[in-house]
Amino acid sequence: MESKPLMIIIAGVVGGLGAWVWARTVGPDPLISETIFAVPAYMFLGGIAGYLGVYLIAKTDPAQTGHAIAFSLACGIFWGPVISGAEAVVNRAQVEQKAQALAVQQVGLVRAQGELSAQAQALQQELARATARATELDRAHRILLEQAQGGADGSRPTVRARLDELDTARVRTELQASAANVERLHRQLDRIVVER
């Protein structure tokens, strides 16, 4: 261990001893009544408070040795609030980390929602094209049926052959698959919105 951190800890230990002397003379009474246990406990807590106060709470520049030692001595004397403050600093850092993680998660959700929206729009366009194609095929089917029923006997096999070429069932299946994909994407979008 370097000499500056050691001096800062020693200053905190001296401050902890000062806190015990203060408690015995001015009050309130020390936390531990037996002196043999109270003095080391106060010195230990003062050393911890001095180190935490200088390096964690105040982030005092250790290059300013006199200032850092004086601050460590004060932290050792008032070790209770300093240790509570160090706990608050750690808790605040944890809350900030969780907030950052939540913000990253929110950005990911917004990005996923945008991607799903783009996919839904593409599928809706595909569905519109498939619907238009199915409508056109139905119209052609009707026209060919009318021609087959009203045409001469020689033209009927040709018309029937053209009708067989139209695969409206395949188009209907594609149309239903596109509609199912659009519905699935809408459910995913709704779920993302509810989770936000």
Protein backbone atom coordinates (compact mmCIF):
# COMPACT_ATOMS: atom_id res chain seq x y z
CA MET A 1 0.00 0.00 0.00
CA GLU A 2 1.28 3.47 -0.85
CA SER A 3 2.12 5.92 1.91
CA LYS A 4 -0.69 8.43 1.10
CA PRO A 5 -3.59 5.95 1.42
CA LEU A 6 -1.98 4.60 4.59
CA MET A 7 -1.71 8.14 6.03
CA ILE A 8 -5.35 8.77 5.09
CA ILE A 9 -6.45 5.57 6.85
CA ILE A 10 -4.35 6.44 9.90
CA ALA A 11 -5.94 9.90 9.99
CA GLY A 12 -9.36 8.23 9.89
CA VAL A 13 -8.31 5.88 12.72
CA VAL A 14 -7.20 8.90 14.80
CA GLY A 15 -10.53 10.55 13.96
CA GLY A 16 -12.37 7.40 15.13
CA LEU A 17 -10.43 7.57 18.41
CA GLY A 18 -11.44 11.23 18.66
CA ALA A 19 -15.09 10.21 18.10
CA TRP A 20 -14.85 7.77 21.02
CA VAL A 21 -13.24 10.42 23.28
CA TRP A 22 -15.99 12.87 22.26
CA ALA A 23 -18.69 10.30 23.04
CA ARG A 24 -17.19 9.56 26.46
CA THR A 25 -16.77 13.22 27.45
CA VAL A 26 -19.61 15.10 25.74
CA GLY A 27 -22.06 12.35 24.81
CA PRO A 28 -24.01 10.56 23.66
CA ASP A 29 -22.58 7.45 25.28
CA PRO A 30 -20.45 5.22 23.04
CA LEU A 31 -22.22 2.42 21.21
CA ILE A 32 -20.16 -0.15 23.11
CA SER A 33 -19.83 0.37 26.86
CA GLU A 34 -16.62 -1.65 27.50
CA THR A 35 -13.60 0.48 26.63
CA ILE A 36 -11.49 -2.50 25.52
CA PHE A 37 -13.96 -3.19 22.70
CA ALA A 38 -15.20 0.35 22.05
CA VAL A 39 -11.81 1.95 21.28
CA PRO A 40 -10.78 -0.55 18.54
CA ALA A 41 -14.31 -0.52 17.08
CA TYR A 42 -14.38 3.30 16.87
CA MET A 43 -10.86 3.38 15.42
CA PHE A 44 -11.72 0.71 12.83
CA LEU A 45 -14.91 2.52 11.80
CA GLY A 46 -13.03 5.83 11.72
CA GLY A 47 -10.37 4.34 9.41
CA ILE A 48 -13.04 2.98 7.06
CA ALA A 49 -14.93 6.29 7.09
CA GLY A 50 -11.72 8.25 6.42
CA TYR A 51 -10.84 6.11 3.42
CA LEU A 52 -14.39 6.09 2.02
CA GLY A 53 -14.81 9.80 2.60
CA VAL A 54 -11.63 10.75 0.77
CA TYR A 55 -11.75 8.29 -2.12
CA LEU A 56 -15.43 7.49 -2.65
CA ILE A 57 -17.62 10.32 -1.41
CA ALA A 58 -15.59 13.50 -1.88
CA LYS A 59 -13.09 12.07 -4.38
CA THR A 60 -10.50 14.35 -2.83
CA ASP A 61 -7.30 14.76 -4.80
CA PRO A 62 -4.73 12.70 -2.86
CA ALA A 63 -2.00 14.92 -4.28
CA GLN A 64 -3.22 17.54 -1.81
CA THR A 65 -1.97 15.49 1.12
CA GLY A 66 -2.73 17.98 3.88
CA HIS A 67 -6.29 18.52 2.68
CA ALA A 68 -6.90 14.77 2.23
CA ILE A 69 -5.55 13.95 5.72
CA ALA A 70 -7.63 16.68 7.37
CA PHE A 71 -10.74 15.49 5.53
CA SER A 72 -10.02 11.88 6.54
CA LEU A 73 -9.63 12.98 10.18
CA ALA A 74 -13.02 14.74 10.03
CA CYS A 75 -14.59 11.68 8.38
CA GLY A 76 -13.16 9.47 11.13
CA ILE A 77 -14.70 11.70 13.82
CA PHE A 78 -18.11 11.64 12.10
CA TRP A 79 -17.86 8.04 10.89
CA GLY A 80 -21.59 7.28 11.19
CA PRO A 81 -22.90 9.76 8.61
CA VAL A 82 -19.86 9.16 6.36
CA ILE A 83 -20.50 5.41 6.17
CA SER A 84 -24.21 6.09 5.54
CA GLY A 85 -23.22 8.54 2.81
CA ALA A 86 -20.93 5.95 1.21
CA GLU A 87 -23.84 3.51 1.17
CA ALA A 88 -26.00 6.16 -0.51
CA VAL A 89 -23.29 6.77 -3.14
CA VAL A 90 -23.12 3.05 -3.91
CA ASN A 91 -26.92 2.79 -4.07
CA ARG A 92 -27.11 5.80 -6.39
CA ALA A 93 -24.50 4.25 -8.68
CA GLN A 94 -26.53 1.02 -8.81
CA VAL A 95 -29.72 2.95 -9.59
CA GLU A 96 -27.93 4.84 -12.37
CA GLN A 97 -26.64 1.56 -13.85
CA LYS A 98 -30.15 0.09 -13.78
CA ALA A 99 -31.55 3.26 -15.38
CA GLN A 100 -28.96 3.06 -18.15
CA ALA A 101 -29.74 -0.62 -18.74
CA LEU A 102 -33.45 0.23 -18.87
CA ALA A 103 -32.78 3.04 -21.36
CA VAL A 104 -30.82 0.64 -23.59
CA GLN A 105 -33.66 -1.86 -23.31
CA GLN A 106 -36.20 0.84 -24.26
CA VAL A 107 -34.12 1.77 -27.31
CA GLY A 108 -34.05 -1.91 -28.30
CA LEU A 109 -37.83 -2.14 -27.89
CA VAL A 110 -38.39 0.97 -30.00
CA ARG A 111 -36.03 -0.39 -32.68
CA ALA A 112 -37.82 -3.77 -32.66
CA GLN A 113 -41.17 -2.02 -32.86
CA GLY A 114 -39.96 -0.02 -35.86
CA GLU A 115 -38.69 -3.14 -37.59
CA LEU A 116 -41.96 -4.96 -36.93
CA SER A 117 -43.91 -1.96 -38.24
CA ALA A 118 -41.85 -1.99 -41.44
CA GLN A 119 -42.44 -5.72 -41.83
CA ALA A 120 -46.15 -5.25 -41.22
CA GLN A 121 -46.31 -2.52 -43.89
CA ALA A 122 -44.44 -4.73 -46.36
CA LEU A 123 -46.80 -7.61 -45.65
CA GLN A 124 -49.83 -5.35 -46.00
CA GLN A 125 -48.55 -4.24 -49.41
CA GLU A 126 -47.97 -7.87 -50.35
CA LEU A 127 -51.49 -8.68 -49.16
CA ALA A 128 -52.91 -5.83 -51.26
CA ARG A 129 -51.04 -7.11 -54.32
CA ALA A 130 -52.22 -10.67 -53.72
CA THR A 131 -55.81 -9.47 -53.26
CA ALA A 132 -55.65 -7.51 -56.49
CA ARG A 133 -54.21 -10.54 -58.29
CA ALA A 134 -56.94 -12.81 -56.86
CA THR A 135 -59.61 -10.32 -57.93
CA GLU A 136 -58.13 -10.19 -61.44
CA LEU A 137 -58.03 -13.98 -61.62
CA ASP A 138 -61.64 -14.23 -60.46
CA ARG A 139 -62.67 -11.72 -63.14
CA ALA A 140 -60.73 -13.64 -65.81
CA HIS A 141 -62.29 -16.88 -64.58
CA ARG A 142 -65.78 -15.43 -64.89
CA ILE A 143 -65.05 -14.10 -68.38
CA LEU A 144 -63.69 -17.45 -69.50
CA LEU A 145 -66.67 -19.27 -68.03
CA GLU A 146 -69.02 -16.96 -69.88
CA GLN A 147 -67.08 -17.56 -73.09
CA ALA A 148 -67.14 -21.32 -72.53
CA GLN A 149 -70.91 -21.35 -72.02
CA GLY A 150 -71.72 -19.02 -74.91
CA GLY A 151 -69.02 -20.02 -77.39
CA ALA A 152 -69.11 -22.46 -80.28
CA ASP A 153 -68.52 -26.13 -79.63
CA GLY A 154 -65.00 -25.93 -81.08
CA SER A 155 -63.87 -23.18 -78.74
CA ARG A 156 -65.01 -24.84 -75.50
CA PRO A 157 -61.98 -27.14 -75.07
CA THR A 158 -59.62 -24.15 -75.56
CA VAL A 159 -61.51 -22.10 -72.99
CA ARG A 160 -61.59 -25.01 -70.55
CA ALA A 161 -57.84 -25.47 -71.00
CA ARG A 162 -57.27 -21.79 -70.18
CA LEU A 163 -59.50 -22.13 -67.13
CA ASP A 164 -57.43 -25.05 -65.93
CA GLU A 165 -54.29 -22.91 -66.26
CA LEU A 166 -55.65 -20.39 -63.76
CA ASP A 167 -54.61 -21.54 -60.34
CA THR A 168 -56.90 -19.51 -58.15
CA ALA A 169 -56.53 -21.94 -55.24
CA ARG A 170 -52.80 -21.22 -55.06
CA VAL A 171 -53.43 -17.48 -55.08
CA ARG A 172 -56.03 -17.87 -52.31
CA THR A 173 -53.52 -19.84 -50.21
CA GLU A 174 -50.88 -17.11 -50.68
CA LEU A 175 -53.47 -14.52 -49.77
CA GLN A 176 -54.40 -16.36 -46.56
CA ALA A 177 -50.71 -16.82 -45.64
CA SER A 178 -50.05 -13.10 -46.14
CA ALA A 179 -53.09 -12.21 -44.01
CA ALA A 180 -51.87 -14.59 -41.26
CA ASN A 181 -48.40 -12.96 -41.34
CA VAL A 182 -49.92 -9.48 -41.04
CA GLU A 183 -52.05 -10.63 -38.09
CA ARG A 184 -49.01 -12.21 -36.39
CA LEU A 185 -47.02 -8.98 -36.75
CA HIS A 186 -49.91 -6.91 -35.38
CA ARG A 187 -50.02 -9.18 -32.30
CA GLN A 188 -46.25 -8.76 -31.81
CA LEU A 189 -46.58 -4.98 -32.12
CA ASP A 190 -49.43 -4.97 -29.57
CA ARG A 191 -47.34 -7.08 -27.19
CA ILE A 192 -44.36 -4.70 -27.50
CA VAL A 193 -46.59 -1.68 -26.83
CA VAL A 194 -48.08 -3.37 -23.74
CA GLU A 195 -44.61 -4.31 -22.42
CA ARG A 196 -43.40 -0.69 -22.68
